[in-house]
Amino acid sequence: MATHWIWQQPDWPDFNWQAERLTPLLRECVQAQGQLMGMSGSVGDSLGAQTELDALLQNIVTSSAIEGEQLNVGSVRSSLARRLGLELIDGDKVSQRSEGLAQLMLDATRRFTEPLTLERLLEWHQWLFPDQEADLTARSMHVGALRGDEPMQVVSGRIDRPTVHFEAPPRQGLEQQLDQFLQWFEASQHQTALDPMLRAGIAHFWFVTLHPFDDGNGRLTRTITDLALAQGEAQAIRFYAMSASILDDRAGYYRILESSQKATLDITEWLTWFLQTLLRSLQQAITRIESVLGETRFWQAHRESELSAEQVKVLNRLLDGGERGFEHGISAGQYQAVAKVSKATATRHLAELLEKGCLQRLPGGGRSTRYQINYPDRAAR
């Protein structure tokens, strides 16, 4: 038999990699992980819980988006919040789908000390597809069971001349292959010579290559990755969402998987991509927590300041940054629009905020003058 796929290699799944190529990147990941875990200890309980909720939500939503599925974000947020013991003022109604996804994510991250067994995997698969009976397209799918006997292929293009991007190992022998993976996953957790981040990358590649289910393999692969990372950090609290970084390079994700699954058992290229993506997710989380801590310090410094409701509204928008905020400062005209006040009132409000040290004027003048938050400790930003 020709060895077109990696699982056809005679030594499958005896993976190897070039450690010297991965060491610098691995060192960066470990440093970022340590910085993030150190910073998370500075976040108060309520803010920490909200930050974790946001990260878990982002992970669930983006993992489904990688597969082209758009979730009801409000429903998933409500399901997560209920399980985390958080109250949402304007929470959406939960659904079977959102409940299953929240249960899946929290089971993987909160019960990271529990072994990953076939029974647990099958239960995860059921949570991933809780309402399949009402879905006509899912009635032929084996839910909570391994895939059927048909060849498992990922294809694109014309029906009469499809391009096969990937073919999974045949159904015969799948139980033994999956059992081998699960035994390795349990044993490798205690191998001090194997870095936990490399272990997560290997687990990701190995499981997605097995493709043991009719559907949901990608999402369960990323759930196993989250479990492996939680085990490596020995903590259930999650402040970063790797699936979001994978989604940012979705094309690259599928490209590196396809090329690696058609290559040798040297998975250095895959592990390089995995660590680079993990590093981005850690760095993005550090930036978010820096923002949260900066906002907390700002309001602590101005807790005695007498501010109008309009001023507080604009300050919160500036503190938000990102899509909802003003990353490059705010002009008098923008202040007027956000606060819904007159031009004269906007000018007066801005002068007051400058005087109280809430804002600082950016270089430039006239109509182009812009203002940004004056953090009490700019060095910490």
Protein backbone atom coordinates (compact mmCIF):
# COMPACT_ATOMS: atom_id res chain seq x y z
CA MET A 1 0.00 0.00 0.00
CA ALA A 2 1.36 3.43 -0.96
CA THR A 3 2.05 5.72 2.00
CA HIS A 4 0.09 8.75 0.87
CA TRP A 5 -1.15 9.57 4.39
CA ILE A 6 0.88 9.85 7.58
CA TRP A 7 -1.11 7.11 9.32
CA GLN A 8 0.06 4.70 6.59
CA GLN A 9 3.69 5.12 7.70
CA PRO A 10 5.04 1.84 9.16
CA ASP A 11 6.06 3.54 12.43
CA TRP A 12 2.77 5.43 12.90
CA PRO A 13 2.17 7.04 15.39
CA ASP A 14 5.79 7.29 16.56
CA PHE A 15 6.10 11.05 16.06
CA ASN A 16 9.42 12.88 16.17
CA TRP A 17 10.47 16.52 15.93
CA GLN A 18 13.56 18.72 15.81
CA ALA A 19 13.81 20.01 19.36
CA GLU A 20 16.47 22.61 18.56
CA ARG A 21 14.11 24.35 16.13
CA LEU A 22 11.28 24.46 18.66
CA THR A 23 13.23 25.47 21.79
CA PRO A 24 13.31 29.28 21.22
CA LEU A 25 9.58 29.37 20.43
CA LEU A 26 8.77 27.10 23.35
CA ARG A 27 10.74 29.41 25.65
CA GLU A 28 8.68 32.40 24.47
CA CYS A 29 5.45 30.50 25.12
CA VAL A 30 6.51 29.50 28.63
CA GLN A 31 7.50 33.10 29.45
CA ALA A 32 4.19 34.46 28.16
CA GLN A 33 2.28 31.77 30.05
CA GLY A 34 4.11 32.66 33.27
CA GLN A 35 3.44 36.38 32.75
CA LEU A 36 -0.25 35.72 32.13
CA MET A 37 -0.65 33.50 35.18
CA GLY A 38 1.17 36.07 37.31
CA MET A 39 -1.06 38.90 36.05
CA SER A 40 -4.23 36.87 36.57
CA GLY A 41 -3.44 36.79 40.28
CA SER A 42 -3.75 40.60 40.34
CA VAL A 43 -7.30 40.53 39.00
CA GLY A 44 -10.01 40.59 41.68
CA ASP A 45 -12.52 37.76 42.00
CA SER A 46 -15.40 39.46 40.21
CA LEU A 47 -13.24 40.82 37.38
CA GLY A 48 -11.39 37.52 37.17
CA ALA A 49 -14.64 35.59 36.79
CA GLN A 50 -15.81 37.99 34.07
CA THR A 51 -12.48 37.74 32.26
CA GLU A 52 -12.64 33.94 32.40
CA LEU A 53 -16.23 33.99 31.13
CA ASP A 54 -15.16 36.12 28.17
CA ALA A 55 -12.24 33.79 27.35
CA LEU A 56 -14.37 30.63 27.58
CA LEU A 57 -17.10 32.22 25.47
CA GLN A 58 -14.59 33.30 22.84
CA ASN A 59 -13.11 29.80 22.76
CA ILE A 60 -16.49 28.12 22.21
CA VAL A 61 -17.73 30.59 19.61
CA THR A 62 -14.51 30.67 17.58
CA SER A 63 -14.05 26.88 17.67
CA SER A 64 -17.46 26.54 15.99
CA ALA A 65 -16.68 29.42 13.62
CA ILE A 66 -13.60 27.53 12.40
CA GLU A 67 -16.05 24.88 11.13
CA GLY A 68 -18.29 27.55 9.58
CA GLU A 69 -20.96 27.42 12.29
CA GLN A 70 -22.29 30.66 13.77
CA LEU A 71 -23.56 30.23 17.32
CA ASN A 72 -26.03 32.34 19.29
CA VAL A 73 -23.41 34.13 21.39
CA GLY A 74 -25.94 35.39 23.95
CA SER A 75 -27.27 31.90 24.64
CA VAL A 76 -23.78 30.44 25.10
CA ARG A 77 -22.85 33.34 27.41
CA SER A 78 -25.96 32.68 29.53
CA SER A 79 -25.19 28.96 29.77
CA LEU A 80 -21.60 29.63 30.80
CA ALA A 81 -22.56 32.34 33.30
CA ARG A 82 -25.05 30.06 35.01
CA ARG A 83 -22.43 27.36 35.45
CA LEU A 84 -19.85 29.87 36.69
CA GLY A 85 -22.31 31.32 39.19
CA LEU A 86 -22.39 34.74 37.51
CA GLU A 87 -25.50 36.87 37.15
CA LEU A 88 -26.26 38.44 33.78
CA ILE A 89 -28.60 41.43 33.73
CA ASP A 90 -29.52 40.98 30.07
CA GLY A 91 -28.76 37.31 29.50
CA ASP A 92 -30.29 35.51 26.51
CA LYS A 93 -32.43 32.40 26.78
CA VAL A 94 -30.36 29.22 26.88
CA SER A 95 -30.82 26.38 24.38
CA GLN A 96 -29.94 22.69 24.31
CA ARG A 97 -27.07 23.63 22.01
CA SER A 98 -25.65 26.32 24.28
CA GLU A 99 -26.06 24.14 27.37
CA GLY A 100 -24.20 21.28 25.71
CA LEU A 101 -21.33 23.48 24.53
CA ALA A 102 -20.93 25.12 27.95
CA GLN A 103 -21.01 21.73 29.65
CA LEU A 104 -18.38 20.40 27.24
CA MET A 105 -15.98 23.30 27.73
CA LEU A 106 -16.23 23.33 31.52
CA ASP A 107 -15.98 19.56 31.80
CA ALA A 108 -12.69 19.67 29.89
CA THR A 109 -11.19 22.60 31.80
CA ARG A 110 -12.65 22.18 35.29
CA ARG A 111 -12.20 18.40 35.47
CA PHE A 112 -8.68 18.43 34.06
CA THR A 113 -7.47 15.94 36.70
CA GLU A 114 -9.95 13.32 35.48
CA PRO A 115 -8.66 10.82 32.89
CA LEU A 116 -9.75 11.15 29.28
CA THR A 117 -11.54 7.88 28.54
CA LEU A 118 -13.57 6.63 25.59
CA GLU A 119 -16.73 6.98 27.69
CA ARG A 120 -15.90 10.61 28.42
CA LEU A 121 -15.22 11.30 24.74
CA LEU A 122 -18.55 9.76 23.73
CA GLU A 123 -20.33 11.91 26.32
CA TRP A 124 -18.58 15.01 24.95
CA HIS A 125 -19.81 14.08 21.49
CA GLN A 126 -23.39 13.86 22.78
CA TRP A 127 -23.07 17.31 24.36
CA LEU A 128 -21.78 18.63 21.04
CA PHE A 129 -24.91 17.40 19.25
CA PRO A 130 -27.72 17.46 21.87
CA ASP A 131 -30.57 18.17 19.46
CA GLN A 132 -29.66 15.90 16.56
CA GLU A 133 -33.07 14.19 16.51
CA ALA A 134 -34.71 17.44 15.42
CA ASP A 135 -32.05 18.02 12.78
CA LEU A 136 -32.77 16.20 9.53
CA THR A 137 -29.15 16.50 8.40
CA ALA A 138 -27.89 14.80 11.57
CA ARG A 139 -30.17 11.76 11.60
CA SER A 140 -27.66 9.66 9.69
CA MET A 141 -24.89 10.70 12.08
CA HIS A 142 -23.71 8.44 14.89
CA VAL A 143 -24.02 10.67 17.98
CA GLY A 144 -22.20 9.51 21.09
CA ALA A 145 -20.62 6.70 19.05
CA LEU A 146 -17.65 6.23 16.76
CA ARG A 147 -18.10 6.84 13.03
CA GLY A 148 -19.64 4.40 10.59
CA ASP A 149 -17.95 2.14 8.05
CA GLU A 150 -17.89 4.64 5.17
CA PRO A 151 -14.47 6.14 4.30
CA MET A 152 -13.87 9.39 6.20
CA GLN A 153 -12.59 12.02 3.79
CA VAL A 154 -12.31 15.81 3.71
CA VAL A 155 -13.00 16.87 0.13
CA SER A 156 -13.67 20.00 -1.92
CA GLY A 157 -14.35 20.87 -5.55
CA ARG A 158 -16.64 19.20 -8.08
CA ILE A 159 -18.70 16.14 -7.15
CA ASP A 160 -17.42 14.20 -10.17
CA ARG A 161 -13.80 15.26 -9.62
CA PRO A 162 -13.35 16.06 -5.93
CA THR A 163 -10.05 17.08 -4.36
CA VAL A 164 -9.29 14.85 -1.36
CA HIS A 165 -7.52 16.99 1.26
CA PHE A 166 -7.47 14.30 3.91
CA GLU A 167 -8.48 10.70 4.48
CA ALA A 168 -8.71 9.27 7.99
CA PRO A 169 -7.62 5.75 9.00
CA PRO A 170 -10.18 3.07 8.06
CA ARG A 171 -12.98 2.18 10.46
CA GLN A 172 -11.57 -1.28 11.04
CA GLY A 173 -9.06 -1.01 13.87
CA LEU A 174 -10.23 2.47 14.92
CA GLU A 175 -10.99 1.34 18.49
CA GLN A 176 -7.43 0.09 18.91
CA GLN A 177 -5.96 3.29 17.44
CA LEU A 178 -8.12 5.46 19.69
CA ASP A 179 -7.23 3.34 22.72
CA GLN A 180 -3.54 3.81 21.89
CA PHE A 181 -4.06 7.59 21.78
CA LEU A 182 -5.96 7.65 25.09
CA GLN A 183 -3.31 5.54 26.82
CA TRP A 184 -0.59 7.89 25.55
CA PHE A 185 -2.60 10.95 26.60
CA GLU A 186 -2.86 9.62 30.17
CA ALA A 187 0.74 8.41 30.45
CA SER A 188 2.34 11.45 28.79
CA GLN A 189 0.82 13.77 31.38
CA HIS A 190 3.46 12.51 33.82
CA GLN A 191 6.43 12.47 31.43
CA THR A 192 8.72 15.24 32.67
CA ALA A 193 10.80 15.04 29.48
CA LEU A 194 7.82 16.08 27.34
CA ASP A 195 6.90 19.77 27.61
CA PRO A 196 3.14 20.19 28.30
CA MET A 197 2.76 22.59 25.36
CA LEU A 198 4.36 20.13 22.95
CA ARG A 199 2.11 17.43 24.42
CA ALA A 200 -0.93 19.60 23.63
CA GLY A 201 0.29 20.08 20.06
CA ILE A 202 0.91 16.36 19.56
CA ALA A 203 -2.51 15.49 21.03
CA HIS A 204 -4.17 17.99 18.68
CA PHE A 205 -2.53 16.56 15.57
CA TRP A 206 -2.92 12.90 16.55
CA PHE A 207 -6.61 13.07 17.45
CA VAL A 208 -7.68 15.14 14.45
CA THR A 209 -5.82 12.67 12.21
CA LEU A 210 -7.78 9.76 13.71
CA HIS A 211 -11.04 11.62 12.99
CA PRO A 212 -12.99 9.07 15.08
CA PHE A 213 -16.46 10.62 14.71
CA ASP A 214 -18.84 11.33 11.84
CA ASP A 215 -18.79 15.03 12.71
CA GLY A 216 -17.39 17.34 15.38
CA ASN A 217 -13.82 16.05 15.17
CA GLY A 218 -12.28 19.51 14.90
CA ARG A 219 -14.22 20.88 17.87
CA LEU A 220 -13.42 17.86 20.04
CA THR A 221 -9.76 18.10 18.98
CA ARG A 222 -9.63 21.69 20.21
CA THR A 223 -11.42 20.66 23.43
CA ILE A 224 -8.76 18.01 24.03
CA THR A 225 -6.15 20.71 23.41
CA ASP A 226 -7.78 22.91 26.08
CA LEU A 227 -7.78 19.93 28.46
CA ALA A 228 -4.08 19.27 27.79
CA LEU A 229 -3.20 22.94 28.37
CA ALA A 230 -5.20 23.02 31.62
CA GLN A 231 -3.38 19.88 32.76
CA GLY A 232 -0.04 21.45 31.89
CA GLU A 233 -0.84 24.57 33.90
CA ALA A 234 -2.51 22.52 36.68
CA GLN A 235 -5.34 25.01 36.93
CA ALA A 236 -8.92 25.14 35.74
CA ILE A 237 -9.17 28.91 35.27
CA ARG A 238 -8.77 29.86 31.62
CA PHE A 239 -7.80 33.37 30.53
CA TYR A 240 -6.92 32.74 26.91
CA ALA A 241 -8.71 31.29 23.90
CA MET A 242 -6.50 29.38 21.50
CA SER A 243 -9.39 28.70 19.12
CA ALA A 244 -9.65 32.45 18.49
CA SER A 245 -6.04 32.56 17.30
CA ILE A 246 -6.62 29.47 15.13
CA LEU A 247 -9.62 31.21 13.56
CA ASP A 248 -7.44 34.24 12.79
CA ASP A 249 -5.33 31.96 10.59
CA ARG A 250 -7.99 29.44 9.58
CA ALA A 251 -6.56 28.96 6.09
CA GLY A 252 -3.09 28.41 7.54
CA TYR A 253 -4.52 25.91 10.05
CA TYR A 254 -6.04 23.72 7.36
CA ARG A 255 -2.98 24.15 5.15
CA ILE A 256 -0.49 22.97 7.79
CA LEU A 257 -2.74 20.08 8.82
CA GLU A 258 -3.08 18.90 5.22
CA SER A 259 0.63 19.15 4.44
CA SER A 260 1.61 17.45 7.72
CA GLN A 261 -0.88 14.62 7.23
CA LYS A 262 0.71 13.91 3.84
CA ALA A 263 4.27 14.06 5.20
CA THR A 264 6.58 11.99 7.40
CA LEU A 265 6.31 11.39 11.14
CA ASP A 266 8.56 14.43 11.71
CA ILE A 267 5.90 16.95 12.82
CA THR A 268 8.26 19.87 13.48
CA GLU A 269 6.42 22.12 11.01
CA TRP A 270 3.07 21.42 12.65
CA LEU A 271 4.44 21.99 16.17
CA THR A 272 6.03 25.26 15.02
CA TRP A 273 2.68 26.50 13.72
CA PHE A 274 0.93 25.29 16.88
CA LEU A 275 3.36 27.06 19.23
CA GLN A 276 3.25 30.28 17.19
CA THR A 277 -0.55 30.25 17.41
CA LEU A 278 -0.50 29.46 21.13
CA LEU A 279 1.94 32.33 21.69
CA ARG A 280 -0.39 34.77 19.91
CA SER A 281 -3.32 33.69 22.07
CA LEU A 282 -1.26 34.15 25.25
CA GLN A 283 -0.07 37.60 24.12
CA GLN A 284 -3.63 38.67 23.26
CA ALA A 285 -4.78 37.54 26.71
CA ILE A 286 -1.98 39.53 28.35
CA THR A 287 -3.11 42.63 26.45
CA ARG A 288 -6.72 42.08 27.58
CA ILE A 289 -5.77 41.67 31.23
CA GLU A 290 -3.50 44.72 31.05
CA SER A 291 -6.57 46.62 29.84
CA VAL A 292 -8.71 45.25 32.69
CA LEU A 293 -6.08 46.14 35.29
CA GLY A 294 -5.56 49.58 33.73
CA GLU A 295 -9.30 50.27 33.88
CA THR A 296 -9.42 49.18 37.52
CA ARG A 297 -6.51 51.45 38.46
CA PHE A 298 -8.08 54.35 36.58
CA TRP A 299 -11.40 54.18 38.44
CA GLN A 300 -9.65 53.68 41.77
CA ALA A 301 -7.66 56.87 41.12
CA HIS A 302 -10.84 58.79 40.21
CA ARG A 303 -13.29 57.31 42.71
CA GLU A 304 -13.61 60.74 44.39
CA SER A 305 -13.94 62.69 41.14
CA GLU A 306 -17.36 64.22 40.52
CA LEU A 307 -18.23 63.20 36.98
CA SER A 308 -21.43 63.48 35.00
CA ALA A 309 -23.15 60.42 33.53
CA GLU A 310 -22.10 61.57 30.06
CA GLN A 311 -18.46 61.87 31.11
CA VAL A 312 -18.50 58.39 32.66
CA LYS A 313 -20.04 56.96 29.49
CA VAL A 314 -17.32 58.44 27.27
CA LEU A 315 -14.53 57.42 29.65
CA ASN A 316 -15.80 53.83 29.63
CA ARG A 317 -15.81 53.83 25.82
CA LEU A 318 -12.24 55.09 25.81
CA LEU A 319 -11.20 52.49 28.37
CA ASP A 320 -12.81 49.73 26.31
CA GLY A 321 -10.58 50.34 23.31
CA GLY A 322 -10.96 47.82 20.50
CA GLU A 323 -14.05 47.80 18.32
CA ARG A 324 -16.32 49.59 20.80
CA GLY A 325 -13.81 52.15 21.94
CA PHE A 326 -11.50 54.76 20.45
CA GLU A 327 -8.01 53.31 20.26
CA HIS A 328 -6.58 56.54 18.86
CA GLY A 329 -8.28 58.94 21.23
CA ILE A 330 -11.47 60.96 20.85
CA SER A 331 -12.17 64.35 19.29
CA ALA A 332 -14.63 66.97 20.55
CA GLY A 333 -17.01 66.02 17.73
CA GLN A 334 -16.89 62.35 18.69
CA TYR A 335 -17.43 63.23 22.34
CA GLN A 336 -20.50 65.23 21.32
CA ALA A 337 -21.87 62.27 19.33
CA VAL A 338 -21.24 59.62 22.00
CA ALA A 339 -22.43 61.71 24.95
CA LYS A 340 -25.33 63.20 22.95
CA VAL A 341 -24.61 66.74 24.16
CA SER A 342 -24.21 70.13 22.49
CA LYS A 343 -20.90 71.34 21.09
CA ALA A 344 -20.50 73.82 23.95
CA THR A 345 -21.20 71.14 26.57
CA ALA A 346 -18.73 68.75 24.91
CA THR A 347 -16.02 71.43 25.04
CA ARG A 348 -16.75 72.12 28.72
CA HIS A 349 -16.81 68.42 29.63
CA LEU A 350 -13.46 67.82 27.95
CA ALA A 351 -11.90 70.79 29.74
CA GLU A 352 -13.15 69.39 33.08
CA LEU A 353 -11.77 65.93 32.32
CA LEU A 354 -8.39 67.45 31.47
CA GLU A 355 -8.40 69.47 34.69
CA LYS A 356 -9.26 66.40 36.78
CA GLY A 357 -6.50 64.37 35.15
CA CYS A 358 -8.89 61.88 33.53
CA LEU A 359 -7.76 62.73 30.02
CA GLN A 360 -4.63 64.02 28.36
CA ARG A 361 -4.37 65.95 25.12
CA LEU A 362 -2.62 64.23 22.24
CA PRO A 363 -0.17 66.18 20.03
CA GLY A 364 -1.91 68.33 17.42
CA GLY A 365 -4.34 71.18 17.69
CA GLY A 366 -7.40 72.92 16.37
CA ARG A 367 -10.30 70.80 15.15
CA SER A 368 -8.03 67.73 14.98
CA THR A 369 -7.25 67.81 18.71
CA ARG A 370 -7.77 64.38 20.25
CA TYR A 371 -7.84 63.19 23.84
CA GLN A 372 -6.94 59.87 25.41
CA ILE A 373 -7.18 58.28 28.85
CA ASN A 374 -4.57 59.53 31.29
CA TYR A 375 -3.76 56.33 33.16
CA PRO A 376 -2.43 56.86 36.69
CA ASP A 377 0.49 54.55 35.90
CA ARG A 378 1.33 54.75 32.20
CA ALA A 379 4.34 52.49 32.71
CA ALA A 380 2.04 49.63 33.62
CA ARG A 381 0.12 49.95 30.36
